[in-house]
C-alpha cells in the first residue's frame, strides 16, 4: 500500500510539473502587451503636458505613434477628443494604414476660463488602443479699462441729465441724449413699481417714461440694446484695475434690458450694443422722479 501511494504521489507531482512547464513555455503574449504606442513630442512651441493657456489661444500638440513591435498590426485610426464641463467633443477622427504616425494637431483653447482635458488615441488593425491626455487650464487675458467715478444721473423729472455714455463718461439731458443717441448706453428713471432703475434705451419701460414729444425715446432712431445682470458675487471694487473680473461677471446671464429696485451697494454687470463689457457700482441715491442716482462705472477700453 505504501508503494502504491508513493507511485500516485509521483504521478501527481509529474502532472503538476508538466502543467506548470507548459504554461510557462506558452509563447503567446497577453493582449496588454500588443498595444500600439503613443507619445507626446516634447519640443519648443508644442504643448506636451498639462499647461496654462489663455482663452481662445491657438496651440499645437505633436504626437508620435507606432505599431506594436510584436503584432506588427498597423495603425488604422487616430482620434482627438476634448472634454469641457464634462461634455466631450470629437475634434479629429481620421483613418490610415500605417506602421508609424507623426501628426501635429493645431487647435484653439476654450473661449471661457476653466479646465479642459484633451485625449489623443490611436487604434490598430486588431482594435488595440493606446491613449495619452493632457489638461489645459484656460485663463483670461486681462485688458485695460476706463473708470468713471461718482457720476450723477437724475431721474426723469430732474434737471440733471438721465442718460450716460459709457465710452467717455458723459451725462446728457434728454435733448442732448437725442443728439448723441448712438452713444447712450444707460438711462435712469424712478418708477412707481420699478423704483430706482437703470435701463437700456431700447427698454419698453424706459419708453413709457421718456415720452417728451420732441426728444422722447419714440423719436430716436438709435436705441442701444445694452444688457445687464445684477451681480450677486462679492466684489472688491477698488481692486478692479483691469477687465479680468468684468469678463468673468459678463460671461453669462447678462440678458436684462433693465435692473429695477436698485439699492446702494448694488453691483451690475453690463454689455453695450457695441460689445464692450463693464460693471456699475451704485454709490448713493435719492428717491423720486426728481431724485438722482450716483454711480461709478468701470468698462473695457
C-alpha atoms as a PDB file:
ATOM      1  CA  UNK A   1       0.000   0.000   0.000  1.00  0.00           C
ATOM      2  CA  UNK A   2       2.818   2.412   0.832  1.00  0.00           C
ATOM      3  CA  UNK A   3       4.464   1.702  -2.522  1.00  0.00           C
ATOM      4  CA  UNK A   4       1.178   2.352  -4.362  1.00  0.00           C
ATOM      5  CA  UNK A   5       0.670   5.658  -2.517  1.00  0.00           C
ATOM      6  CA  UNK A   6       4.186   6.723  -3.399  1.00  0.00           C
ATOM      7  CA  UNK A   7       3.572   5.889  -7.029  1.00  0.00           C
ATOM      8  CA  UNK A   8       0.413   8.046  -7.176  1.00  0.00           C
ATOM      9  CA  UNK A   9       2.247  10.899  -5.423  1.00  0.00           C
ATOM     10  CA  UNK A  10       4.986  10.800  -8.038  1.00  0.00           C
ATOM     11  CA  UNK A  11       2.412  10.733 -10.843  1.00  0.00           C
ATOM     12  CA  UNK A  12       0.524  13.721  -9.347  1.00  0.00           C
ATOM     13  CA  UNK A  13       3.731  15.703  -8.964  1.00  0.00           C
ATOM     14  CA  UNK A  14       4.605  14.912 -12.550  1.00  0.00           C
ATOM     15  CA  UNK A  15       1.225  16.207 -13.811  1.00  0.00           C
ATOM     16  CA  UNK A  16       1.582  19.444 -11.842  1.00  0.00           C
ATOM     17  CA  UNK A  17       5.160  19.877 -13.023  1.00  0.00           C
ATOM     18  CA  UNK A  18       4.241  19.250 -16.671  1.00  0.00           C
ATOM     19  CA  UNK A  19       1.250  21.588 -16.439  1.00  0.00           C
ATOM     20  CA  UNK A  20       3.410  24.284 -14.922  1.00  0.00           C
ATOM     21  CA  UNK A  21       6.071  23.890 -17.560  1.00  0.00           C
ATOM     22  CA  UNK A  22       3.526  24.025 -20.367  1.00  0.00           C
ATOM     23  CA  UNK A  23       2.043  27.304 -19.011  1.00  0.00           C
ATOM     24  CA  UNK A  24       5.386  28.996 -18.547  1.00  0.00           C
ATOM     25  CA  UNK A  25       6.510  27.975 -22.014  1.00  0.00           C
ATOM     26  CA  UNK A  26       3.363  29.469 -23.674  1.00  0.00           C
ATOM     27  CA  UNK A  27       4.823  31.960 -26.169  1.00  0.00           C
ATOM     28  CA  UNK A  28       1.529  33.882 -26.716  1.00  0.00           C
ATOM     29  CA  UNK A  29       1.790  37.406 -25.261  1.00  0.00           C
ATOM     30  CA  UNK A  30      -1.210  38.866 -23.414  1.00  0.00           C
ATOM     31  CA  UNK A  31      -3.338  41.449 -25.225  1.00  0.00           C
ATOM     32  CA  UNK A  32      -1.983  44.193 -22.975  1.00  0.00           C
ATOM     33  CA  UNK A  33       1.426  43.610 -24.480  1.00  0.00           C
ATOM     34  CA  UNK A  34       0.119  44.004 -28.024  1.00  0.00           C
ATOM     35  CA  UNK A  35      -0.998  47.624 -27.790  1.00  0.00           C
ATOM     36  CA  UNK A  36       0.463  50.263 -30.085  1.00  0.00           C
ATOM     37  CA  UNK A  37       2.490  53.052 -28.509  1.00  0.00           C
ATOM     38  CA  UNK A  38       1.653  56.765 -28.485  1.00  0.00           C
ATOM     39  CA  UNK A  39       3.531  59.699 -27.021  1.00  0.00           C
ATOM     40  CA  UNK A  40       3.685  63.475 -26.927  1.00  0.00           C
ATOM     41  CA  UNK A  41       6.729  65.014 -28.560  1.00  0.00           C
ATOM     42  CA  UNK A  42       8.265  67.496 -26.125  1.00  0.00           C
ATOM     43  CA  UNK A  43       9.788  70.339 -28.078  1.00  0.00           C
ATOM     44  CA  UNK A  44       9.691  74.113 -28.179  1.00  0.00           C
ATOM     45  CA  UNK A  45       6.449  75.537 -29.474  1.00  0.00           C
ATOM     46  CA  UNK A  46       4.347  72.461 -28.692  1.00  0.00           C
ATOM     47  CA  UNK A  47       2.210  71.538 -25.687  1.00  0.00           C
ATOM     48  CA  UNK A  48       3.252  68.141 -24.349  1.00  0.00           C
ATOM     49  CA  UNK A  49       1.668  68.036 -20.883  1.00  0.00           C
ATOM     50  CA  UNK A  50      -0.689  69.885 -18.548  1.00  0.00           C
ATOM     51  CA  UNK A  51      -0.435  73.594 -19.287  1.00  0.00           C
ATOM     52  CA  UNK A  52      -1.951  77.028 -18.649  1.00  0.00           C
ATOM     53  CA  UNK A  53      -3.115  78.879 -21.764  1.00  0.00           C
ATOM     54  CA  UNK A  54      -5.139  81.989 -22.453  1.00  0.00           C
ATOM     55  CA  UNK A  55      -8.746  81.832 -23.634  1.00  0.00           C
ATOM     56  CA  UNK A  56      -9.140  81.408 -27.407  1.00  0.00           C
ATOM     57  CA  UNK A  57      -5.405  80.766 -27.772  1.00  0.00           C
ATOM     58  CA  UNK A  58      -4.116  78.634 -30.621  1.00  0.00           C
ATOM     59  CA  UNK A  59      -1.803  75.812 -29.559  1.00  0.00           C
ATOM     60  CA  UNK A  60      -0.097  72.804 -31.166  1.00  0.00           C
ATOM     61  CA  UNK A  61       0.445  69.239 -29.978  1.00  0.00           C
ATOM     62  CA  UNK A  62       2.931  66.916 -31.694  1.00  0.00           C
ATOM     63  CA  UNK A  63       2.057  63.209 -31.494  1.00  0.00           C
ATOM     64  CA  UNK A  64       4.016  60.111 -32.477  1.00  0.00           C
ATOM     65  CA  UNK A  65       2.547  56.596 -32.551  1.00  0.00           C
ATOM     66  CA  UNK A  66       3.936  53.200 -33.599  1.00  0.00           C
ATOM     67  CA  UNK A  67       2.524  49.754 -34.334  1.00  0.00           C
ATOM     68  CA  UNK A  68       3.207  47.119 -31.732  1.00  0.00           C
ATOM     69  CA  UNK A  69       6.599  45.524 -32.395  1.00  0.00           C
ATOM     70  CA  UNK A  70       5.291  42.027 -31.653  1.00  0.00           C
ATOM     71  CA  UNK A  71       1.997  42.023 -33.528  1.00  0.00           C
ATOM     72  CA  UNK A  72       3.067  44.481 -36.257  1.00  0.00           C
ATOM     73  CA  UNK A  73      -0.636  45.373 -36.502  1.00  0.00           C
ATOM     74  CA  UNK A  74      -0.875  48.575 -38.483  1.00  0.00           C
ATOM     75  CA  UNK A  75      -2.370  51.794 -37.119  1.00  0.00           C
ATOM     76  CA  UNK A  76      -5.785  52.386 -38.648  1.00  0.00           C
ATOM     77  CA  UNK A  77      -7.382  55.200 -36.634  1.00  0.00           C
ATOM     78  CA  UNK A  78      -6.436  58.349 -34.739  1.00  0.00           C
ATOM     79  CA  UNK A  79      -8.921  60.401 -32.698  1.00  0.00           C
ATOM     80  CA  UNK A  80      -8.744  63.580 -30.661  1.00  0.00           C
ATOM     81  CA  UNK A  81     -11.459  64.368 -28.099  1.00  0.00           C
ATOM     82  CA  UNK A  82     -11.785  67.406 -25.859  1.00  0.00           C
ATOM     83  CA  UNK A  83     -13.888  67.379 -22.663  1.00  0.00           C
ATOM     84  CA  UNK A  84     -15.064  70.646 -21.080  1.00  0.00           C
ATOM     85  CA  UNK A  85     -17.631  70.819 -18.273  1.00  0.00           C
ATOM     86  CA  UNK A  86     -17.988  67.023 -18.629  1.00  0.00           C
ATOM     87  CA  UNK A  87     -19.142  67.411 -22.239  1.00  0.00           C
ATOM     88  CA  UNK A  88     -16.987  65.531 -24.802  1.00  0.00           C
ATOM     89  CA  UNK A  89     -16.448  66.808 -28.312  1.00  0.00           C
ATOM     90  CA  UNK A  90     -14.589  64.968 -31.066  1.00  0.00           C
ATOM     91  CA  UNK A  91     -12.052  67.280 -32.688  1.00  0.00           C
ATOM     92  CA  UNK A  92     -10.434  64.819 -35.105  1.00  0.00           C
ATOM     93  CA  UNK A  93     -11.344  61.310 -36.275  1.00  0.00           C
ATOM     94  CA  UNK A  94      -9.150  60.075 -39.095  1.00  0.00           C
ATOM     95  CA  UNK A  95      -8.301  56.696 -40.634  1.00  0.00           C
ATOM     96  CA  UNK A  96      -4.998  55.411 -42.011  1.00  0.00           C
ATOM     97  CA  UNK A  97      -2.987  52.258 -42.637  1.00  0.00           C
ATOM     98  CA  UNK A  98       0.465  52.964 -41.224  1.00  0.00           C
ATOM     99  CA  UNK A  99       3.220  51.409 -39.194  1.00  0.00           C
ATOM    100  CA  UNK A 100       4.115  54.783 -37.711  1.00  0.00           C
ATOM    101  CA  UNK A 101       2.310  58.098 -37.289  1.00  0.00           C
ATOM    102  CA  UNK A 102       3.670  61.574 -36.665  1.00  0.00           C
ATOM    103  CA  UNK A 103       0.989  64.266 -36.583  1.00  0.00           C
ATOM    104  CA  UNK A 104       0.761  67.880 -35.396  1.00  0.00           C
ATOM    105  CA  UNK A 105      -2.692  68.814 -34.108  1.00  0.00           C
ATOM    106  CA  UNK A 106      -3.449  72.547 -34.124  1.00  0.00           C
ATOM    107  CA  UNK A 107      -6.432  73.695 -32.059  1.00  0.00           C
ATOM    108  CA  UNK A 108      -7.833  76.665 -30.128  1.00  0.00           C
ATOM    109  CA  UNK A 109      -8.436  76.709 -26.390  1.00  0.00           C
ATOM    110  CA  UNK A 110     -11.830  77.418 -24.848  1.00  0.00           C
ATOM    111  CA  UNK A 111     -13.211  80.964 -25.056  1.00  0.00           C
ATOM    112  CA  UNK A 112     -14.028  80.952 -21.332  1.00  0.00           C
ATOM    113  CA  UNK A 113     -11.883  80.167 -18.278  1.00  0.00           C
ATOM    114  CA  UNK A 114     -11.761  76.602 -16.944  1.00  0.00           C
ATOM    115  CA  UNK A 115     -10.098  73.199 -17.182  1.00  0.00           C
ATOM    116  CA  UNK A 116     -10.355  71.136 -20.352  1.00  0.00           C
ATOM    117  CA  UNK A 117      -8.996  67.610 -20.852  1.00  0.00           C
ATOM    118  CA  UNK A 118      -7.693  66.583 -24.280  1.00  0.00           C
ATOM    119  CA  UNK A 119      -7.443  62.884 -25.237  1.00  0.00           C
ATOM    120  CA  UNK A 120      -5.312  61.572 -28.127  1.00  0.00           C
ATOM    121  CA  UNK A 121      -5.979  57.925 -29.032  1.00  0.00           C
ATOM    122  CA  UNK A 122      -4.583  55.548 -31.631  1.00  0.00           C
ATOM    123  CA  UNK A 123      -6.211  52.262 -32.707  1.00  0.00           C
ATOM    124  CA  UNK A 124      -4.582  49.415 -34.637  1.00  0.00           C
ATOM    125  CA  UNK A 125      -5.993  46.805 -37.029  1.00  0.00           C
ATOM    126  CA  UNK A 126      -6.539  44.358 -34.140  1.00  0.00           C
ATOM    127  CA  UNK A 127      -8.625  47.001 -32.338  1.00  0.00           C
ATOM    128  CA  UNK A 128      -5.930  47.512 -29.726  1.00  0.00           C
ATOM    129  CA  UNK A 129      -5.787  51.104 -28.472  1.00  0.00           C
ATOM    130  CA  UNK A 130      -3.441  53.397 -26.611  1.00  0.00           C
ATOM    131  CA  UNK A 131      -4.160  56.913 -25.370  1.00  0.00           C
ATOM    132  CA  UNK A 132      -2.419  59.931 -23.872  1.00  0.00           C
ATOM    133  CA  UNK A 133      -4.063  63.013 -22.371  1.00  0.00           C
ATOM    134  CA  UNK A 134      -3.340  66.458 -21.007  1.00  0.00           C
ATOM    135  CA  UNK A 135      -5.273  69.170 -19.178  1.00  0.00           C
ATOM    136  CA  UNK A 136      -5.360  72.762 -20.374  1.00  0.00           C
ATOM    137  CA  UNK A 137      -6.330  75.441 -17.864  1.00  0.00           C
ATOM    138  CA  UNK A 138      -7.634  78.470 -19.725  1.00  0.00           C
ATOM    139  CA  UNK A 139      -7.146  81.934 -18.253  1.00  0.00           C
ATOM    140  CA  UNK A 140      -8.447  85.333 -19.255  1.00  0.00           C
ATOM    141  CA  UNK A 141      -6.006  87.854 -20.702  1.00  0.00           C
ATOM    142  CA  UNK A 142      -6.637  90.952 -18.618  1.00  0.00           C
ATOM    143  CA  UNK A 143      -7.145  94.143 -20.619  1.00  0.00           C
ATOM    144  CA  UNK A 144      -7.206  97.838 -19.735  1.00  0.00           C
ATOM    145  CA  UNK A 145     -10.315  99.663 -18.524  1.00  0.00           C
ATOM    146  CA  UNK A 146     -11.743 103.148 -18.153  1.00  0.00           C
ATOM    147  CA  UNK A 147     -13.055 104.215 -14.758  1.00  0.00           C
ATOM    148  CA  UNK A 148     -15.721 106.888 -14.314  1.00  0.00           C
ATOM    149  CA  UNK A 149     -16.313 107.668 -10.641  1.00  0.00           C
ATOM    150  CA  UNK A 150     -19.255 109.295  -8.876  1.00  0.00           C
ATOM    151  CA  UNK A 151     -21.355 110.101 -11.924  1.00  0.00           C
ATOM    152  CA  UNK A 152     -24.731 111.627 -11.024  1.00  0.00           C
ATOM    153  CA  UNK A 153     -27.763 110.760 -13.164  1.00  0.00           C
ATOM    154  CA  UNK A 154     -31.052 112.494 -12.465  1.00  0.00           C
ATOM    155  CA  UNK A 155     -34.398 110.753 -12.666  1.00  0.00           C
ATOM    156  CA  UNK A 156     -36.863 111.693 -15.422  1.00  0.00           C
ATOM    157  CA  UNK A 157     -38.177 114.867 -13.693  1.00  0.00           C
ATOM    158  CA  UNK A 158     -34.787 116.081 -12.513  1.00  0.00           C
ATOM    159  CA  UNK A 159     -32.860 118.934 -14.093  1.00  0.00           C
ATOM    160  CA  UNK A 160     -29.796 116.658 -14.034  1.00  0.00           C
ATOM    161  CA  UNK A 161     -29.331 114.533 -17.143  1.00  0.00           C
ATOM    162  CA  UNK A 162     -30.624 110.946 -17.044  1.00  0.00           C
ATOM    163  CA  UNK A 163     -28.538 109.437 -19.857  1.00  0.00           C
ATOM    164  CA  UNK A 164     -24.992 108.093 -19.658  1.00  0.00           C
ATOM    165  CA  UNK A 165     -22.419 107.320 -22.362  1.00  0.00           C
ATOM    166  CA  UNK A 166     -20.038 104.674 -21.113  1.00  0.00           C
ATOM    167  CA  UNK A 167     -17.385 105.246 -23.786  1.00  0.00           C
ATOM    168  CA  UNK A 168     -16.394 108.631 -22.313  1.00  0.00           C
ATOM    169  CA  UNK A 169     -18.459 109.063 -19.137  1.00  0.00           C
ATOM    170  CA  UNK A 170     -20.704 111.837 -20.474  1.00  0.00           C
ATOM    171  CA  UNK A 171     -24.047 112.554 -18.815  1.00  0.00           C
ATOM    172  CA  UNK A 172     -26.750 114.004 -21.105  1.00  0.00           C
ATOM    173  CA  UNK A 173     -30.124 115.589 -20.585  1.00  0.00           C
ATOM    174  CA  UNK A 174     -32.844 114.258 -22.859  1.00  0.00           C
ATOM    175  CA  UNK A 175     -32.274 116.801 -25.651  1.00  0.00           C
ATOM    176  CA  UNK A 176     -28.522 116.142 -25.609  1.00  0.00           C
ATOM    177  CA  UNK A 177     -29.130 112.401 -25.439  1.00  0.00           C
ATOM    178  CA  UNK A 178     -31.210 112.515 -28.607  1.00  0.00           C
ATOM    179  CA  UNK A 179     -28.370 114.310 -30.394  1.00  0.00           C
ATOM    180  CA  UNK A 180     -25.924 111.657 -29.101  1.00  0.00           C
ATOM    181  CA  UNK A 181     -28.305 108.696 -29.111  1.00  0.00           C
ATOM    182  CA  UNK A 182     -25.719 106.348 -30.632  1.00  0.00           C
ATOM    183  CA  UNK A 183     -23.549 106.877 -27.526  1.00  0.00           C
ATOM    184  CA  UNK A 184     -26.221 106.430 -24.848  1.00  0.00           C
ATOM    185  CA  UNK A 185     -25.926 103.095 -23.014  1.00  0.00           C
ATOM    186  CA  UNK A 186     -27.744 103.765 -19.730  1.00  0.00           C
ATOM    187  CA  UNK A 187     -30.805 105.740 -18.700  1.00  0.00           C
ATOM    188  CA  UNK A 188     -32.007 106.308 -15.139  1.00  0.00           C
ATOM    189  CA  UNK A 189     -35.615 106.687 -14.037  1.00  0.00           C
ATOM    190  CA  UNK A 190     -37.681 106.293 -10.889  1.00  0.00           C
ATOM    191  CA  UNK A 191     -40.953 104.432 -11.396  1.00  0.00           C
ATOM    192  CA  UNK A 192     -43.973 103.739  -9.210  1.00  0.00           C
ATOM    193  CA  UNK A 193     -43.315  99.996  -9.353  1.00  0.00           C
ATOM    194  CA  UNK A 194     -39.801  99.709 -10.739  1.00  0.00           C
ATOM    195  CA  UNK A 195     -38.477 102.330  -8.274  1.00  0.00           C
ATOM    196  CA  UNK A 196     -34.805 103.201  -8.916  1.00  0.00           C
ATOM    197  CA  UNK A 197     -33.991 101.719 -12.329  1.00  0.00           C
ATOM    198  CA  UNK A 198     -31.159 101.689 -14.830  1.00  0.00           C
ATOM    199  CA  UNK A 199     -32.403 100.772 -18.286  1.00  0.00           C
ATOM    200  CA  UNK A 200     -31.237 100.428 -21.866  1.00  0.00           C
ATOM    201  CA  UNK A 201     -32.590 102.927 -24.416  1.00  0.00           C
ATOM    202  CA  UNK A 202     -34.475 100.069 -26.108  1.00  0.00           C
ATOM    203  CA  UNK A 203     -36.245  99.031 -22.881  1.00  0.00           C
ATOM    204  CA  UNK A 204     -40.044  99.092 -23.077  1.00  0.00           C
ATOM    205  CA  UNK A 205     -40.474 100.581 -19.583  1.00  0.00           C
ATOM    206  CA  UNK A 206     -37.989 103.350 -20.368  1.00  0.00           C
ATOM    207  CA  UNK A 207     -40.099 104.115 -23.449  1.00  0.00           C
ATOM    208  CA  UNK A 208     -43.087 104.763 -21.146  1.00  0.00           C
ATOM    209  CA  UNK A 209     -41.068 107.178 -19.006  1.00  0.00           C
ATOM    210  CA  UNK A 210     -39.126 109.276 -21.518  1.00  0.00           C
ATOM    211  CA  UNK A 211     -42.023 110.406 -23.710  1.00  0.00           C
ATOM    212  CA  UNK A 212     -41.227 114.049 -24.416  1.00  0.00           C
ATOM    213  CA  UNK A 213     -42.870 114.865 -27.752  1.00  0.00           C
ATOM    214  CA  UNK A 214     -39.676 116.401 -29.140  1.00  0.00           C
ATOM    215  CA  UNK A 215     -36.878 114.346 -27.614  1.00  0.00           C
ATOM    216  CA  UNK A 216     -38.572 111.257 -26.164  1.00  0.00           C
ATOM    217  CA  UNK A 217     -37.385 107.760 -26.996  1.00  0.00           C
ATOM    218  CA  UNK A 218     -40.192 107.377 -29.518  1.00  0.00           C
ATOM    219  CA  UNK A 219     -38.383 109.981 -31.645  1.00  0.00           C
ATOM    220  CA  UNK A 220     -34.978 108.254 -31.550  1.00  0.00           C
ATOM    221  CA  UNK A 221     -33.724 106.228 -34.495  1.00  0.00           C
ATOM    222  CA  UNK A 222     -30.938 104.511 -32.488  1.00  0.00           C
ATOM    223  CA  UNK A 223     -31.865 102.799 -29.234  1.00  0.00           C
ATOM    224  CA  UNK A 224     -28.872 100.863 -27.961  1.00  0.00           C
ATOM    225  CA  UNK A 225     -29.660  97.418 -26.559  1.00  0.00           C
ATOM    226  CA  UNK A 226     -27.402  97.437 -23.507  1.00  0.00           C
ATOM    227  CA  UNK A 227     -27.966  94.324 -21.373  1.00  0.00           C
ATOM    228  CA  UNK A 228     -27.479  93.904 -17.632  1.00  0.00           C
ATOM    229  CA  UNK A 229     -27.404  91.494 -14.761  1.00  0.00           C
ATOM    230  CA  UNK A 230     -27.350  92.061 -11.014  1.00  0.00           C
ATOM    231  CA  UNK A 231     -24.067  90.745  -9.612  1.00  0.00           C
ATOM    232  CA  UNK A 232     -24.537  88.519  -6.579  1.00  0.00           C
ATOM    233  CA  UNK A 233     -20.875  87.608  -6.026  1.00  0.00           C
ATOM    234  CA  UNK A 234     -18.724  89.533  -3.575  1.00  0.00           C
ATOM    235  CA  UNK A 235     -16.922  92.363  -5.383  1.00  0.00           C
ATOM    236  CA  UNK A 236     -13.787  94.244  -4.336  1.00  0.00           C
ATOM    237  CA  UNK A 237     -14.476  97.314  -6.433  1.00  0.00           C
ATOM    238  CA  UNK A 238     -11.274  99.170  -5.613  1.00  0.00           C
ATOM    239  CA  UNK A 239      -9.183  96.149  -6.643  1.00  0.00           C
ATOM    240  CA  UNK A 240     -10.618  96.088 -10.190  1.00  0.00           C
ATOM    241  CA  UNK A 241      -7.773  97.582 -12.214  1.00  0.00           C
ATOM    242  CA  UNK A 242      -8.228  95.583 -15.429  1.00  0.00           C
ATOM    243  CA  UNK A 243     -11.082  93.740 -17.132  1.00  0.00           C
ATOM    244  CA  UNK A 244     -10.490  90.260 -15.649  1.00  0.00           C
ATOM    245  CA  UNK A 245     -13.356  90.493 -13.124  1.00  0.00           C
ATOM    246  CA  UNK A 246     -15.543  92.260 -15.662  1.00  0.00           C
ATOM    247  CA  UNK A 247     -15.070  89.471 -18.219  1.00  0.00           C
ATOM    248  CA  UNK A 248     -15.813  86.866 -15.555  1.00  0.00           C
ATOM    249  CA  UNK A 249     -19.011  88.592 -14.447  1.00  0.00           C
ATOM    250  CA  UNK A 250     -20.265  89.116 -18.011  1.00  0.00           C
ATOM    251  CA  UNK A 251     -19.574  85.536 -19.135  1.00  0.00           C
ATOM    252  CA  UNK A 252     -23.228  84.569 -18.650  1.00  0.00           C
ATOM    253  CA  UNK A 253     -26.606  85.855 -17.523  1.00  0.00           C
ATOM    254  CA  UNK A 254     -26.335  89.373 -18.967  1.00  0.00           C
ATOM    255  CA  UNK A 255     -29.810  89.379 -20.504  1.00  0.00           C
ATOM    256  CA  UNK A 256     -31.933  92.097 -18.873  1.00  0.00           C
ATOM    257  CA  UNK A 257     -32.821  95.402 -20.523  1.00  0.00           C
ATOM    258  CA  UNK A 258     -33.313  96.998 -17.107  1.00  0.00           C
ATOM    259  CA  UNK A 259     -32.484  96.452 -13.434  1.00  0.00           C
ATOM    260  CA  UNK A 260     -35.181  97.692 -11.085  1.00  0.00           C
ATOM    261  CA  UNK A 261     -35.376  98.325  -7.327  1.00  0.00           C
ATOM    262  CA  UNK A 262     -31.738  99.333  -7.144  1.00  0.00           C
ATOM    263  CA  UNK A 263     -30.114  99.845  -3.764  1.00  0.00           C
ATOM    264  CA  UNK A 264     -26.935 101.482  -2.564  1.00  0.00           C
ATOM    265  CA  UNK A 265     -24.109  98.942  -2.760  1.00  0.00           C
ATOM    266  CA  UNK A 266     -25.553  97.045  -5.728  1.00  0.00           C
ATOM    267  CA  UNK A 267     -23.199  95.953  -8.493  1.00  0.00           C
ATOM    268  CA  UNK A 268     -24.341  95.478 -12.076  1.00  0.00           C
ATOM    269  CA  UNK A 269     -22.563  93.833 -14.994  1.00  0.00           C
ATOM    270  CA  UNK A 270     -23.432  95.051 -18.475  1.00  0.00           C
ATOM    271  CA  UNK A 271     -22.596  94.621 -22.141  1.00  0.00           C
ATOM    272  CA  UNK A 272     -23.160  97.514 -24.535  1.00  0.00           C
ATOM    273  CA  UNK A 273     -24.583  97.297 -28.041  1.00  0.00           C
ATOM    274  CA  UNK A 274     -21.021  97.534 -29.373  1.00  0.00           C
ATOM    275  CA  UNK A 275     -19.942  94.574 -27.236  1.00  0.00           C
ATOM    276  CA  UNK A 276     -17.972  96.477 -24.602  1.00  0.00           C
ATOM    277  CA  UNK A 277     -18.216  94.927 -21.151  1.00  0.00           C
ATOM    278  CA  UNK A 278     -18.425  96.813 -17.900  1.00  0.00           C
ATOM    279  CA  UNK A 279     -19.591  96.968 -14.300  1.00  0.00           C
ATOM    280  CA  UNK A 280     -21.506  99.563 -12.303  1.00  0.00           C
ATOM    281  CA  UNK A 281     -21.471 100.306  -8.589  1.00  0.00           C
ATOM    282  CA  UNK A 282     -24.442 102.131  -7.048  1.00  0.00           C
ATOM    283  CA  UNK A 283     -22.850 104.706  -4.728  1.00  0.00           C
ATOM    284  CA  UNK A 284     -25.884 106.654  -3.488  1.00  0.00           C
ATOM    285  CA  UNK A 285     -29.368 107.759  -4.495  1.00  0.00           C
ATOM    286  CA  UNK A 286     -32.275 109.998  -3.643  1.00  0.00           C
ATOM    287  CA  UNK A 287     -35.713 108.600  -4.407  1.00  0.00           C
ATOM    288  CA  UNK A 288     -38.482 110.069  -6.518  1.00  0.00           C
ATOM    289  CA  UNK A 289     -38.997 111.211 -10.071  1.00  0.00           C
ATOM    290  CA  UNK A 290     -36.926 114.317  -9.345  1.00  0.00           C
ATOM    291  CA  UNK A 291     -34.269 112.358  -7.437  1.00  0.00           C
ATOM    292  CA  UNK A 292     -30.941 111.004  -8.642  1.00  0.00           C
ATOM    293  CA  UNK A 293     -28.522 108.109  -8.534  1.00  0.00           C
ATOM    294  CA  UNK A 294     -24.745 108.284  -8.199  1.00  0.00           C
ATOM    295  CA  UNK A 295     -22.841 105.506  -9.916  1.00  0.00           C
ATOM    296  CA  UNK A 296     -19.248 104.538 -10.641  1.00  0.00           C
ATOM    297  CA  UNK A 297     -18.504 102.691 -13.860  1.00  0.00           C
ATOM    298  CA  UNK A 298     -15.610 100.511 -14.997  1.00  0.00           C
ATOM    299  CA  UNK A 299     -15.585  99.458 -18.640  1.00  0.00           C
ATOM    300  CA  UNK A 300     -13.239  97.941 -21.177  1.00  0.00           C
ATOM    301  CA  UNK A 301     -11.261 100.289 -23.377  1.00  0.00           C
END
